[in-house]
Amino acid sequence: MKIAITSKGDALESQVDPRFGRAPYVLIVDSESNEFEPLNNLENVNRLKGAGIHAATMISEKGAEVLMTGYCGPNAITTLNAAKIKVILEVGGTVKDALESFREGNLSFSDAPNVDGHWT
């Protein structure tokens, strides 16, 4: 399964970035092999509008089935739901820690935003 995790860096040891649309990186991780592809999301960091929608499209095109992040606004949630990407919110720690929590079944899915749009 491919899992997208917002990140402050391009490695599994990087901290999870709580901002979905404006995180500098999104790591696409294969949950079985731990192989990953860091996606540079810097184009969206300074986007005036639609950062979450563009990030959702980007991870959908990479085949992500799950998104793990801190906060996600209403437009991004709508786009993720339409792409059939399950969302786990309020994730923290390192990307590696988040993956371990996912594997242990300690996280739950959400289909509602946990922040108003344009959170920076």
PDB file of N, CA and C in Angstrom:
ATOM      1  N   MET A   1       0.852  -1.172   0.000  1.00  0.00           N
ATOM      2  CA  MET A   1       0.000   0.000   0.000  1.00  0.00           C
ATOM      3  C   MET A   1       0.899   1.237   0.000  1.00  0.00           C
ATOM      4  N   LYS A   2       0.526   2.233  -0.783  1.00  0.00           N
ATOM      5  CA  LYS A   2       1.272   3.485  -0.809  1.00  0.00           C
ATOM      6  C   LYS A   2       0.625   4.476   0.163  1.00  0.00           C
ATOM      7  N   ILE A   3       1.474   5.023   1.037  1.00  0.00           N
ATOM      8  CA  ILE A   3       1.024   5.974   2.044  1.00  0.00           C
ATOM      9  C   ILE A   3       1.748   7.298   1.817  1.00  0.00           C
ATOM     10  N   ALA A   4       1.008   8.382   1.732  1.00  0.00           N
ATOM     11  CA  ALA A   4       1.584   9.723   1.610  1.00  0.00           C
ATOM     12  C   ALA A   4       1.656  10.339   3.004  1.00  0.00           C
ATOM     13  N   ILE A   5       2.826  10.867   3.353  1.00  0.00           N
ATOM     14  CA  ILE A   5       3.024  11.481   4.666  1.00  0.00           C
ATOM     15  C   ILE A   5       3.670  12.842   4.467  1.00  0.00           C
ATOM     16  N   THR A   6       3.029  13.899   4.999  1.00  0.00           N
ATOM     17  CA  THR A   6       3.607  15.228   4.876  1.00  0.00           C
ATOM     18  C   THR A   6       4.850  15.313   5.750  1.00  0.00           C
ATOM     19  N   SER A   7       5.870  15.990   5.242  1.00  0.00           N
ATOM     20  CA  SER A   7       7.158  15.964   5.920  1.00  0.00           C
ATOM     21  C   SER A   7       7.893  17.296   5.790  1.00  0.00           C
ATOM     22  N   LYS A   8       8.705  17.585   6.805  1.00  0.00           N
ATOM     23  CA  LYS A   8       9.554  18.777   6.766  1.00  0.00           C
ATOM     24  C   LYS A   8      10.848  18.515   6.019  1.00  0.00           C
ATOM     25  N   GLY A   9      11.135  17.255   5.715  1.00  0.00           N
ATOM     26  CA  GLY A   9      12.353  16.889   4.996  1.00  0.00           C
ATOM     27  C   GLY A   9      12.097  15.743   4.050  1.00  0.00           C
ATOM     28  N   ASP A  10      13.170  15.258   3.434  1.00  0.00           N
ATOM     29  CA  ASP A  10      13.015  14.237   2.398  1.00  0.00           C
ATOM     30  C   ASP A  10      13.451  12.837   2.845  1.00  0.00           C
ATOM     31  N   ALA A  11      13.436  12.588   4.179  1.00  0.00           N
ATOM     32  CA  ALA A  11      13.873  11.289   4.698  1.00  0.00           C
ATOM     33  C   ALA A  11      12.864  10.755   5.712  1.00  0.00           C
ATOM     34  N   LEU A  12      12.913   9.444   5.958  1.00  0.00           N
ATOM     35  CA  LEU A  12      12.002   8.833   6.939  1.00  0.00           C
ATOM     36  C   LEU A  12      12.229   9.366   8.350  1.00  0.00           C
ATOM     37  N   GLU A  13      13.430   9.875   8.632  1.00  0.00           N
ATOM     38  CA  GLU A  13      13.738  10.423   9.952  1.00  0.00           C
ATOM     39  C   GLU A  13      13.261  11.868  10.105  1.00  0.00           C
ATOM     40  N   SER A  14      12.734  12.462   9.045  1.00  0.00           N
ATOM     41  CA  SER A  14      12.231  13.845   9.084  1.00  0.00           C
ATOM     42  C   SER A  14      10.971  13.922   9.923  1.00  0.00           C
ATOM     43  N   GLN A  15      10.715  15.105  10.462  1.00  0.00           N
ATOM     44  CA  GLN A  15       9.497  15.351  11.229  1.00  0.00           C
ATOM     45  C   GLN A  15       8.297  15.459  10.292  1.00  0.00           C
ATOM     46  N   VAL A  16       7.173  14.944  10.739  1.00  0.00           N
ATOM     47  CA  VAL A  16       5.922  15.112  10.003  1.00  0.00           C
ATOM     48  C   VAL A  16       5.588  16.600  10.007  1.00  0.00           C
ATOM     49  N   ASP A  17       5.236  17.136   8.857  1.00  0.00           N
ATOM     50  CA  ASP A  17       4.782  18.528   8.783  1.00  0.00           C
ATOM     51  C   ASP A  17       3.278  18.520   8.960  1.00  0.00           C
ATOM     52  N   PRO A  18       2.748  19.320   9.892  1.00  0.00           N
ATOM     53  CA  PRO A  18       1.305  19.285  10.131  1.00  0.00           C
ATOM     54  C   PRO A  18       0.471  19.880   9.000  1.00  0.00           C
ATOM     55  N   ARG A  19       1.080  20.616   8.094  1.00  0.00           N
ATOM     56  CA  ARG A  19       0.344  21.289   7.023  1.00  0.00           C
ATOM     57  C   ARG A  19       0.292  20.402   5.791  1.00  0.00           C
ATOM     58  N   PHE A  20      -0.886  20.008   5.375  1.00  0.00           N
ATOM     59  CA  PHE A  20      -0.972  19.143   4.199  1.00  0.00           C
ATOM     60  C   PHE A  20      -0.552  19.871   2.939  1.00  0.00           C
ATOM     61  N   GLY A  21      -1.271  20.862   2.539  1.00  0.00           N
ATOM     62  CA  GLY A  21      -1.017  21.523   1.258  1.00  0.00           C
ATOM     63  C   GLY A  21       0.283  22.286   1.196  1.00  0.00           C
ATOM     64  N   ARG A  22       0.775  22.743   2.334  1.00  0.00           N
ATOM     65  CA  ARG A  22       1.954  23.611   2.350  1.00  0.00           C
ATOM     66  C   ARG A  22       3.194  22.966   2.966  1.00  0.00           C
ATOM     67  N   ALA A  23       3.168  21.666   3.172  1.00  0.00           N
ATOM     68  CA  ALA A  23       4.358  20.960   3.644  1.00  0.00           C
ATOM     69  C   ALA A  23       5.418  20.999   2.540  1.00  0.00           C
ATOM     70  N   PRO A  24       6.690  21.190   2.877  1.00  0.00           N
ATOM     71  CA  PRO A  24       7.711  21.236   1.832  1.00  0.00           C
ATOM     72  C   PRO A  24       7.907  19.913   1.085  1.00  0.00           C
ATOM     73  N   TYR A  25       7.603  18.802   1.755  1.00  0.00           N
ATOM     74  CA  TYR A  25       7.729  17.493   1.127  1.00  0.00           C
ATOM     75  C   TYR A  25       6.532  16.623   1.480  1.00  0.00           C
ATOM     76  N   VAL A  26       6.241  15.699   0.599  1.00  0.00           N
ATOM     77  CA  VAL A  26       5.315  14.617   0.880  1.00  0.00           C
ATOM     78  C   VAL A  26       6.060  13.341   0.502  1.00  0.00           C
ATOM     79  N   LEU A  27       6.213  12.444   1.465  1.00  0.00           N
ATOM     80  CA  LEU A  27       6.888  11.176   1.186  1.00  0.00           C
ATOM     81  C   LEU A  27       5.841  10.133   0.820  1.00  0.00           C
ATOM     82  N   ILE A  28       6.027   9.475  -0.305  1.00  0.00           N
ATOM     83  CA  ILE A  28       5.166   8.376  -0.722  1.00  0.00           C
ATOM     84  C   ILE A  28       5.905   7.100  -0.318  1.00  0.00           C
ATOM     85  N   VAL A  29       5.359   6.394   0.677  1.00  0.00           N
ATOM     86  CA  VAL A  29       6.039   5.242   1.256  1.00  0.00           C
ATOM     87  C   VAL A  29       5.268   3.966   0.947  1.00  0.00           C
ATOM     88  N   ASP A  30       5.989   2.941   0.505  1.00  0.00           N
ATOM     89  CA  ASP A  30       5.407   1.611   0.335  1.00  0.00           C
ATOM     90  C   ASP A  30       5.385   0.975   1.725  1.00  0.00           C
ATOM     91  N   SER A  31       4.206   0.694   2.237  1.00  0.00           N
ATOM     92  CA  SER A  31       4.075   0.219   3.622  1.00  0.00           C
ATOM     93  C   SER A  31       4.692  -1.155   3.845  1.00  0.00           C
ATOM     94  N   GLU A  32       4.877  -1.940   2.804  1.00  0.00           N
ATOM     95  CA  GLU A  32       5.461  -3.267   2.968  1.00  0.00           C
ATOM     96  C   GLU A  32       6.983  -3.248   2.877  1.00  0.00           C
ATOM     97  N   SER A  33       7.524  -2.513   1.921  1.00  0.00           N
ATOM     98  CA  SER A  33       8.975  -2.538   1.696  1.00  0.00           C
ATOM     99  C   SER A  33       9.716  -1.385   2.376  1.00  0.00           C
ATOM    100  N   ASN A  34       8.992  -0.353   2.798  1.00  0.00           N
ATOM    101  CA  ASN A  34       9.568   0.864   3.371  1.00  0.00           C
ATOM    102  C   ASN A  34      10.310   1.700   2.329  1.00  0.00           C
ATOM    103  N   GLU A  35      10.257   1.306   1.058  1.00  0.00           N
ATOM    104  CA  GLU A  35      10.833   2.147   0.014  1.00  0.00           C
ATOM    105  C   GLU A  35       9.967   3.392  -0.106  1.00  0.00           C
ATOM    106  N   PHE A  36      10.614   4.526  -0.397  1.00  0.00           N
ATOM    107  CA  PHE A  36       9.849   5.765  -0.468  1.00  0.00           C
ATOM    108  C   PHE A  36      10.373   6.688  -1.550  1.00  0.00           C
ATOM    109  N   GLU A  37       9.485   7.580  -1.957  1.00  0.00           N
ATOM    110  CA  GLU A  37       9.813   8.609  -2.937  1.00  0.00           C
ATOM    111  C   GLU A  37       9.449   9.961  -2.322  1.00  0.00           C
ATOM    112  N   PRO A  38      10.443  10.836  -2.121  1.00  0.00           N
ATOM    113  CA  PRO A  38      10.121  12.167  -1.607  1.00  0.00           C
ATOM    114  C   PRO A  38       9.625  13.065  -2.746  1.00  0.00           C
ATOM    115  N   LEU A  39       8.458  13.643  -2.561  1.00  0.00           N
ATOM    116  CA  LEU A  39       7.918  14.575  -3.547  1.00  0.00           C
ATOM    117  C   LEU A  39       8.158  15.988  -3.060  1.00  0.00           C
ATOM    118  N   ASN A  40       8.791  16.781  -3.873  1.00  0.00           N
ATOM    119  CA  ASN A  40       9.026  18.178  -3.544  1.00  0.00           C
ATOM    120  C   ASN A  40       7.721  18.938  -3.727  1.00  0.00           C
ATOM    121  N   ASN A  41       7.223  19.529  -2.658  1.00  0.00           N
ATOM    122  CA  ASN A  41       5.953  20.246  -2.687  1.00  0.00           C
ATOM    123  C   ASN A  41       6.166  21.754  -2.566  1.00  0.00           C
ATOM    124  N   LEU A  42       7.386  22.231  -2.802  1.00  0.00           N
ATOM    125  CA  LEU A  42       7.697  23.644  -2.603  1.00  0.00           C
ATOM    126  C   LEU A  42       6.879  24.556  -3.507  1.00  0.00           C
ATOM    127  N   GLU A  43       6.436  24.051  -4.648  1.00  0.00           N
ATOM    128  CA  GLU A  43       5.591  24.854  -5.533  1.00  0.00           C
ATOM    129  C   GLU A  43       4.304  25.278  -4.821  1.00  0.00           C
ATOM    130  N   ASN A  44       3.804  24.421  -3.945  1.00  0.00           N
ATOM    131  CA  ASN A  44       2.555  24.720  -3.242  1.00  0.00           C
ATOM    132  C   ASN A  44       2.741  25.546  -1.969  1.00  0.00           C
ATOM    133  N   VAL A  45       3.953  25.587  -1.426  1.00  0.00           N
ATOM    134  CA  VAL A  45       4.184  26.258  -0.149  1.00  0.00           C
ATOM    135  C   VAL A  45       3.732  27.713  -0.193  1.00  0.00           C
ATOM    136  N   ASN A  46       4.030  28.412  -1.272  1.00  0.00           N
ATOM    137  CA  ASN A  46       3.685  29.836  -1.380  1.00  0.00           C
ATOM    138  C   ASN A  46       2.460  30.099  -2.248  1.00  0.00           C
ATOM    139  N   ARG A  47       1.743  29.069  -2.597  1.00  0.00           N
ATOM    140  CA  ARG A  47       0.550  29.225  -3.433  1.00  0.00           C
ATOM    141  C   ARG A  47      -0.497  30.025  -2.660  1.00  0.00           C
ATOM    142  N   LEU A  48      -1.091  31.013  -3.296  1.00  0.00           N
ATOM    143  CA  LEU A  48      -2.091  31.848  -2.638  1.00  0.00           C
ATOM    144  C   LEU A  48      -3.347  31.057  -2.299  1.00  0.00           C
ATOM    145  N   LYS A  49      -3.810  30.239  -3.216  1.00  0.00           N
ATOM    146  CA  LYS A  49      -5.014  29.425  -3.016  1.00  0.00           C
ATOM    147  C   LYS A  49      -4.815  28.049  -3.626  1.00  0.00           C
ATOM    148  N   GLY A  50      -5.540  27.075  -3.109  1.00  0.00           N
ATOM    149  CA  GLY A  50      -5.588  25.759  -3.726  1.00  0.00           C
ATOM    150  C   GLY A  50      -4.417  24.838  -3.446  1.00  0.00           C
ATOM    151  N   ALA A  51      -3.601  25.153  -2.436  1.00  0.00           N
ATOM    152  CA  ALA A  51      -2.437  24.305  -2.150  1.00  0.00           C
ATOM    153  C   ALA A  51      -2.860  22.879  -1.816  1.00  0.00           C
ATOM    154  N   GLY A  52      -3.902  22.723  -1.010  1.00  0.00           N
ATOM    155  CA  GLY A  52      -4.370  21.392  -0.629  1.00  0.00           C
ATOM    156  C   GLY A  52      -4.921  20.607  -1.804  1.00  0.00           C
ATOM    157  N   ILE A  53      -5.638  21.282  -2.678  1.00  0.00           N
ATOM    158  CA  ILE A  53      -6.198  20.627  -3.858  1.00  0.00           C
ATOM    159  C   ILE A  53      -5.073  20.140  -4.768  1.00  0.00           C
ATOM    160  N   HIS A  54      -4.062  20.986  -4.982  1.00  0.00           N
ATOM    161  CA  HIS A  54      -2.935  20.598  -5.836  1.00  0.00           C
ATOM    162  C   HIS A  54      -2.130  19.461  -5.208  1.00  0.00           C
ATOM    163  N   ALA A  55      -1.912  19.520  -3.899  1.00  0.00           N
ATOM    164  CA  ALA A  55      -1.184  18.443  -3.217  1.00  0.00           C
ATOM    165  C   ALA A  55      -1.972  17.137  -3.284  1.00  0.00           C
ATOM    166  N   ALA A  56      -3.288  17.219  -3.134  1.00  0.00           N
ATOM    167  CA  ALA A  56      -4.126  16.017  -3.222  1.00  0.00           C
ATOM    168  C   ALA A  56      -4.033  15.398  -4.610  1.00  0.00           C
ATOM    169  N   THR A  57      -4.041  16.213  -5.629  1.00  0.00           N
ATOM    170  CA  THR A  57      -3.911  15.726  -7.001  1.00  0.00           C
ATOM    171  C   THR A  57      -2.556  15.062  -7.195  1.00  0.00           C
ATOM    172  N   MET A  58      -1.504  15.684  -6.649  1.00  0.00           N
ATOM    173  CA  MET A  58      -0.152  15.149  -6.799  1.00  0.00           C
ATOM    174  C   MET A  58      -0.026  13.758  -6.167  1.00  0.00           C
ATOM    175  N   ILE A  59      -0.553  13.588  -4.956  1.00  0.00           N
ATOM    176  CA  ILE A  59      -0.405  12.275  -4.310  1.00  0.00           C
ATOM    177  C   ILE A  59      -1.323  11.234  -4.951  1.00  0.00           C
ATOM    178  N   SER A  60      -2.453  11.668  -5.470  1.00  0.00           N
ATOM    179  CA  SER A  60      -3.349  10.750  -6.179  1.00  0.00           C
ATOM    180  C   SER A  60      -2.655  10.208  -7.433  1.00  0.00           C
ATOM    181  N   GLU A  61      -1.976  11.086  -8.163  1.00  0.00           N
ATOM    182  CA  GLU A  61      -1.261  10.674  -9.371  1.00  0.00           C
ATOM    183  C   GLU A  61      -0.131   9.694  -9.061  1.00  0.00           C
ATOM    184  N   LYS A  62       0.385   9.716  -7.829  1.00  0.00           N
ATOM    185  CA  LYS A  62       1.447   8.794  -7.414  1.00  0.00           C
ATOM    186  C   LYS A  62       0.885   7.486  -6.850  1.00  0.00           C
ATOM    187  N   GLY A  63      -0.443   7.367  -6.807  1.00  0.00           N
ATOM    188  CA  GLY A  63      -1.066   6.117  -6.386  1.00  0.00           C
ATOM    189  C   GLY A  63      -1.242   5.961  -4.885  1.00  0.00           C
ATOM    190  N   ALA A  64      -1.151   7.057  -4.129  1.00  0.00           N
ATOM    191  CA  ALA A  64      -1.335   6.974  -2.680  1.00  0.00           C
ATOM    192  C   ALA A  64      -2.755   6.531  -2.344  1.00  0.00           C
ATOM    193  N   GLU A  65      -2.863   5.641  -1.376  1.00  0.00           N
ATOM    194  CA  GLU A  65      -4.162   5.161  -0.904  1.00  0.00           C
ATOM    195  C   GLU A  65      -4.523   5.752   0.448  1.00  0.00           C
ATOM    196  N   VAL A  66      -3.506   6.247   1.168  1.00  0.00           N
ATOM    197  CA  VAL A  66      -3.696   6.827   2.492  1.00  0.00           C
ATOM    198  C   VAL A  66      -2.842   8.085   2.575  1.00  0.00           C
ATOM    199  N   LEU A  67      -3.374   9.117   3.242  1.00  0.00           N
ATOM    200  CA  LEU A  67      -2.618  10.321   3.566  1.00  0.00           C
ATOM    201  C   LEU A  67      -2.524  10.429   5.077  1.00  0.00           C
ATOM    202  N   MET A  68      -1.317  10.683   5.574  1.00  0.00           N
ATOM    203  CA  MET A  68      -1.111  10.954   6.988  1.00  0.00           C
ATOM    204  C   MET A  68      -0.545  12.363   7.112  1.00  0.00           C
ATOM    205  N   THR A  69      -1.223  13.209   7.910  1.00  0.00           N
ATOM    206  CA  THR A  69      -0.811  14.598   8.066  1.00  0.00           C
ATOM    207  C   THR A  69      -1.340  15.125   9.390  1.00  0.00           C
ATOM    208  N   GLY A  70      -1.069  16.374   9.670  1.00  0.00           N
ATOM    209  CA  GLY A  70      -1.576  16.984  10.892  1.00  0.00           C
ATOM    210  C   GLY A  70      -2.950  17.592  10.693  1.00  0.00           C
ATOM    211  N   TYR A  71      -3.027  18.521   9.747  1.00  0.00           N
ATOM    212  CA  TYR A  71      -4.252  19.268   9.512  1.00  0.00           C
ATOM    213  C   TYR A  71      -4.619  19.244   8.046  1.00  0.00           C
ATOM    214  N   CYS A  72      -5.910  19.245   7.782  1.00  0.00           N
ATOM    215  CA  CYS A  72      -6.391  19.209   6.413  1.00  0.00           C
ATOM    216  C   CYS A  72      -7.682  20.019   6.326  1.00  0.00           C
ATOM    217  N   GLY A  73      -7.732  20.942   5.386  1.00  0.00           N
ATOM    218  CA  GLY A  73      -8.895  21.801   5.221  1.00  0.00           C
ATOM    219  C   GLY A  73      -9.997  21.170   4.389  1.00  0.00           C
ATOM    220  N   PRO A  74     -11.129  21.852   4.302  1.00  0.00           N
ATOM    221  CA  PRO A  74     -12.313  21.290   3.642  1.00  0.00           C
ATOM    222  C   PRO A  74     -12.141  21.014   2.146  1.00  0.00           C
ATOM    223  N   ASN A  75     -11.485  21.888   1.410  1.00  0.00           N
ATOM    224  CA  ASN A  75     -11.330  21.649  -0.033  1.00  0.00           C
ATOM    225  C   ASN A  75     -10.406  20.466  -0.306  1.00  0.00           C
ATOM    226  N   ALA A  76      -9.341  20.359   0.482  1.00  0.00           N
ATOM    227  CA  ALA A  76      -8.427  19.230   0.312  1.00  0.00           C
ATOM    228  C   ALA A  76      -9.127  17.919   0.671  1.00  0.00           C
ATOM    229  N   ILE A  77      -9.893  17.908   1.764  1.00  0.00           N
ATOM    230  CA  ILE A  77     -10.621  16.696   2.166  1.00  0.00           C
ATOM    231  C   ILE A  77     -11.586  16.260   1.072  1.00  0.00           C
ATOM    232  N   THR A  78     -12.292  17.218   0.484  1.00  0.00           N
ATOM    233  CA  THR A  78     -13.229  16.907  -0.594  1.00  0.00           C
ATOM    234  C   THR A  78     -12.490  16.264  -1.765  1.00  0.00           C
ATOM    235  N   THR A  79     -11.343  16.824  -2.132  1.00  0.00           N
ATOM    236  CA  THR A  79     -10.550  16.282  -3.238  1.00  0.00           C
ATOM    237  C   THR A  79     -10.016  14.897  -2.906  1.00  0.00           C
ATOM    238  N   LEU A  80      -9.522  14.714  -1.678  1.00  0.00           N
ATOM    239  CA  LEU A  80      -9.000  13.415  -1.254  1.00  0.00           C
ATOM    240  C   LEU A  80     -10.103  12.357  -1.224  1.00  0.00           C
ATOM    241  N   ASN A  81     -11.265  12.726  -0.708  1.00  0.00           N
ATOM    242  CA  ASN A  81     -12.392  11.791  -0.685  1.00  0.00           C
ATOM    243  C   ASN A  81     -12.800  11.389  -2.100  1.00  0.00           C
ATOM    244  N   ALA A  82     -12.809  12.352  -3.027  1.00  0.00           N
ATOM    245  CA  ALA A  82     -13.172  12.059  -4.410  1.00  0.00           C
ATOM    246  C   ALA A  82     -12.157  11.104  -5.049  1.00  0.00           C
ATOM    247  N   ALA A  83     -10.892  11.213  -4.630  1.00  0.00           N
ATOM    248  CA  ALA A  83      -9.836  10.342  -5.164  1.00  0.00           C
ATOM    249  C   ALA A  83      -9.758   9.016  -4.415  1.00  0.00           C
ATOM    250  N   LYS A  84     -10.646   8.836  -3.436  1.00  0.00           N
ATOM    251  CA  LYS A  84     -10.692   7.608  -2.626  1.00  0.00           C
ATOM    252  C   LYS A  84      -9.402   7.375  -1.841  1.00  0.00           C
ATOM    253  N   ILE A  85      -8.815   8.495  -1.372  1.00  0.00           N
ATOM    254  CA  ILE A  85      -7.635   8.434  -0.511  1.00  0.00           C
ATOM    255  C   ILE A  85      -8.108   8.600   0.925  1.00  0.00           C
ATOM    256  N   LYS A  86      -7.817   7.605   1.760  1.00  0.00           N
ATOM    257  CA  LYS A  86      -8.186   7.665   3.170  1.00  0.00           C
ATOM    258  C   LYS A  86      -7.244   8.626   3.887  1.00  0.00           C
ATOM    259  N   VAL A  87      -7.765   9.334   4.886  1.00  0.00           N
ATOM    260  CA  VAL A  87      -7.007  10.385   5.557  1.00  0.00           C
ATOM    261  C   VAL A  87      -6.893  10.099   7.051  1.00  0.00           C
ATOM    262  N   ILE A  88      -5.676  10.246   7.557  1.00  0.00           N
ATOM    263  CA  ILE A  88      -5.416  10.160   8.994  1.00  0.00           C
ATOM    264  C   ILE A  88      -4.869  11.517   9.410  1.00  0.00           C
ATOM    265  N   LEU A  89      -5.529  12.156  10.362  1.00  0.00           N
ATOM    266  CA  LEU A  89      -5.172  13.507  10.788  1.00  0.00           C
ATOM    267  C   LEU A  89      -4.515  13.503  12.169  1.00  0.00           C
ATOM    268  N   GLU A  90      -3.946  14.654  12.511  1.00  0.00           N
ATOM    269  CA  GLU A  90      -3.309  14.886  13.814  1.00  0.00           C
ATOM    270  C   GLU A  90      -2.140  13.929  14.059  1.00  0.00           C
ATOM    271  N   VAL A  91      -1.367  13.702  12.999  1.00  0.00           N
ATOM    272  CA  VAL A  91      -0.184  12.849  13.061  1.00  0.00           C
ATOM    273  C   VAL A  91       1.016  13.724  13.407  1.00  0.00           C
ATOM    274  N   GLY A  92       1.898  13.227  14.269  1.00  0.00           N
ATOM    275  CA  GLY A  92       3.099  13.969  14.640  1.00  0.00           C
ATOM    276  C   GLY A  92       4.289  13.050  14.744  1.00  0.00           C
ATOM    277  N   GLY A  93       5.407  13.575  15.220  1.00  0.00           N
ATOM    278  CA  GLY A  93       6.635  12.801  15.346  1.00  0.00           C
ATOM    279  C   GLY A  93       7.375  12.732  14.027  1.00  0.00           C
ATOM    280  N   THR A  94       8.173  11.696  13.878  1.00  0.00           N
ATOM    281  CA  THR A  94       8.887  11.508  12.608  1.00  0.00           C
ATOM    282  C   THR A  94       8.013  10.702  11.649  1.00  0.00           C
ATOM    283  N   VAL A  95       8.387  10.739  10.386  1.00  0.00           N
ATOM    284  CA  VAL A  95       7.682   9.940   9.387  1.00  0.00           C
ATOM    285  C   VAL A  95       7.766   8.458   9.771  1.00  0.00           C
ATOM    286  N   LYS A  96       8.932   8.038  10.219  1.00  0.00           N
ATOM    287  CA  LYS A  96       9.130   6.642  10.634  1.00  0.00           C
ATOM    288  C   LYS A  96       8.212   6.278  11.796  1.00  0.00           C
ATOM    289  N   ASP A  97       8.078   7.181  12.783  1.00  0.00           N
ATOM    290  CA  ASP A  97       7.169   6.946  13.916  1.00  0.00           C
ATOM    291  C   ASP A  97       5.725   6.836  13.452  1.00  0.00           C
ATOM    292  N   ALA A  98       5.340   7.718  12.527  1.00  0.00           N
ATOM    293  CA  ALA A  98       3.968   7.705  12.004  1.00  0.00           C
ATOM    294  C   ALA A  98       3.667   6.384  11.299  1.00  0.00           C
ATOM    295  N   LEU A  99       4.634   5.896  10.529  1.00  0.00           N
ATOM    296  CA  LEU A  99       4.457   4.611   9.845  1.00  0.00           C
ATOM    297  C   LEU A  99       4.283   3.472  10.844  1.00  0.00           C
ATOM    298  N   GLU A 100       5.066   3.502  11.903  1.00  0.00           N
ATOM    299  CA  GLU A 100       4.966   2.460  12.923  1.00  0.00           C
ATOM    300  C   GLU A 100       3.594   2.491  13.595  1.00  0.00           C
ATOM    301  N   SER A 101       3.106   3.684  13.912  1.00  0.00           N
ATOM    302  CA  SER A 101       1.769   3.811  14.510  1.00  0.00           C
ATOM    303  C   SER A 101       0.698   3.290  13.568  1.00  0.00           C
ATOM    304  N   PHE A 102       0.859   3.545  12.275  1.00  0.00           N
ATOM    305  CA  PHE A 102      -0.089   3.046  11.281  1.00  0.00           C
ATOM    306  C   PHE A 102      -0.079   1.523  11.263  1.00  0.00           C
ATOM    307  N   ARG A 103       1.109   0.947  11.212  1.00  0.00           N
ATOM    308  CA  ARG A 103       1.237  -0.511  11.176  1.00  0.00           C
ATOM    309  C   ARG A 103       0.659  -1.180  12.413  1.00  0.00           C
ATOM    310  N   GLU A 104       0.778  -0.504  13.556  1.00  0.00           N
ATOM    311  CA  GLU A 104       0.256  -1.056  14.807  1.00  0.00           C
ATOM    312  C   GLU A 104      -1.251  -0.844  14.958  1.00  0.00           C
ATOM    313  N   GLY A 105      -1.852  -0.107  14.025  1.00  0.00           N
ATOM    314  CA  GLY A 105      -3.291   0.137  14.071  1.00  0.00           C
ATOM    315  C   GLY A 105      -3.702   1.159  15.114  1.00  0.00           C
ATOM    316  N   ASN A 106      -2.782   2.053  15.466  1.00  0.00           N
ATOM    317  CA  ASN A 106      -3.056   3.044  16.509  1.00  0.00           C
ATOM    318  C   ASN A 106      -3.692   4.327  15.989  1.00  0.00           C
ATOM    319  N   LEU A 107      -3.951   4.414  14.706  1.00  0.00           N
ATOM    320  CA  LEU A 107      -4.485   5.645  14.110  1.00  0.00           C
ATOM    321  C   LEU A 107      -5.825   5.354  13.457  1.00  0.00           C
ATOM    322  N   SER A 108      -6.673   6.373  13.410  1.00  0.00           N
ATOM    323  CA  SER A 108      -7.984   6.175  12.791  1.00  0.00           C
ATOM    324  C   SER A 108      -8.180   7.151  11.629  1.00  0.00           C
ATOM    325  N   PHE A 109      -9.028   6.740  10.707  1.00  0.00           N
ATOM    326  CA  PHE A 109      -9.305   7.542   9.521  1.00  0.00           C
ATOM    327  C   PHE A 109     -10.354   8.602   9.813  1.00  0.00           C
ATOM    328  N   SER A 110     -10.299   9.676   9.032  1.00  0.00           N
ATOM    329  CA  SER A 110     -11.258  10.767   9.153  1.00  0.00           C
ATOM    330  C   SER A 110     -11.722  11.161   7.764  1.00  0.00           C
ATOM    331  N   ASP A 111     -12.986  11.562   7.639  1.00  0.00           N
ATOM    332  CA  ASP A 111     -13.459  12.063   6.351  1.00  0.00           C
ATOM    333  C   ASP A 111     -13.928  13.507   6.447  1.00  0.00           C
ATOM    334  N   ALA A 112     -13.546  14.174   7.547  1.00  0.00           N
ATOM    335  CA  ALA A 112     -13.928  15.570   7.765  1.00  0.00           C
ATOM    336  C   ALA A 112     -12.682  16.410   8.029  1.00  0.00           C
ATOM    337  N   PRO A 113     -12.681  17.670   7.607  1.00  0.00           N
ATOM    338  CA  PRO A 113     -11.522  18.537   7.870  1.00  0.00           C
ATOM    339  C   PRO A 113     -11.382  18.803   9.369  1.00  0.00           C
ATOM    340  N   ASN A 114     -10.158  19.114   9.794  1.00  0.00           N
ATOM    341  CA  ASN A 114      -9.957  19.470  11.192  1.00  0.00           C
ATOM    342  C   ASN A 114      -9.418  20.890  11.325  1.00  0.00           C
ATOM    343  N   VAL A 115      -9.537  21.664  10.249  1.00  0.00           N
ATOM    344  CA  VAL A 115      -9.117  23.064  10.244  1.00  0.00           C
ATOM    345  C   VAL A 115      -9.852  23.767   9.114  1.00  0.00           C
ATOM    346  N   ASP A 116     -10.090  25.066   9.289  1.00  0.00           N
ATOM    347  CA  ASP A 116     -10.651  25.854   8.191  1.00  0.00           C
ATOM    348  C   ASP A 116      -9.595  25.956   7.101  1.00  0.00           C
ATOM    349  N   GLY A 117     -10.002  26.327   5.910  1.00  0.00           N
ATOM    350  CA  GLY A 117      -9.068  26.453   4.803  1.00  0.00           C
ATOM    351  C   GLY A 117      -8.018  27.522   5.052  1.00  0.00           C
ATOM    352  N   HIS A 118      -6.920  27.423   4.327  1.00  0.00           N
ATOM    353  CA  HIS A 118      -5.824  28.400   4.335  1.00  0.00           C
ATOM    354  C   HIS A 118      -5.075  28.491   5.650  1.00  0.00           C
ATOM    355  N   TRP A 119      -4.889  27.334   6.307  1.00  0.00           N
ATOM    356  CA  TRP A 119      -4.086  27.276   7.533  1.00  0.00           C
ATOM    357  C   TRP A 119      -2.622  27.348   7.135  1.00  0.00           C
ATOM    358  N   THR A 120      -1.825  28.205   7.758  1.00  0.00           N
ATOM    359  CA  THR A 120      -0.403  28.322   7.392  1.00  0.00           C
ATOM    360  C   THR A 120       0.497  27.982   8.528  1.00  0.00           C
TER     361      THR A 120
END
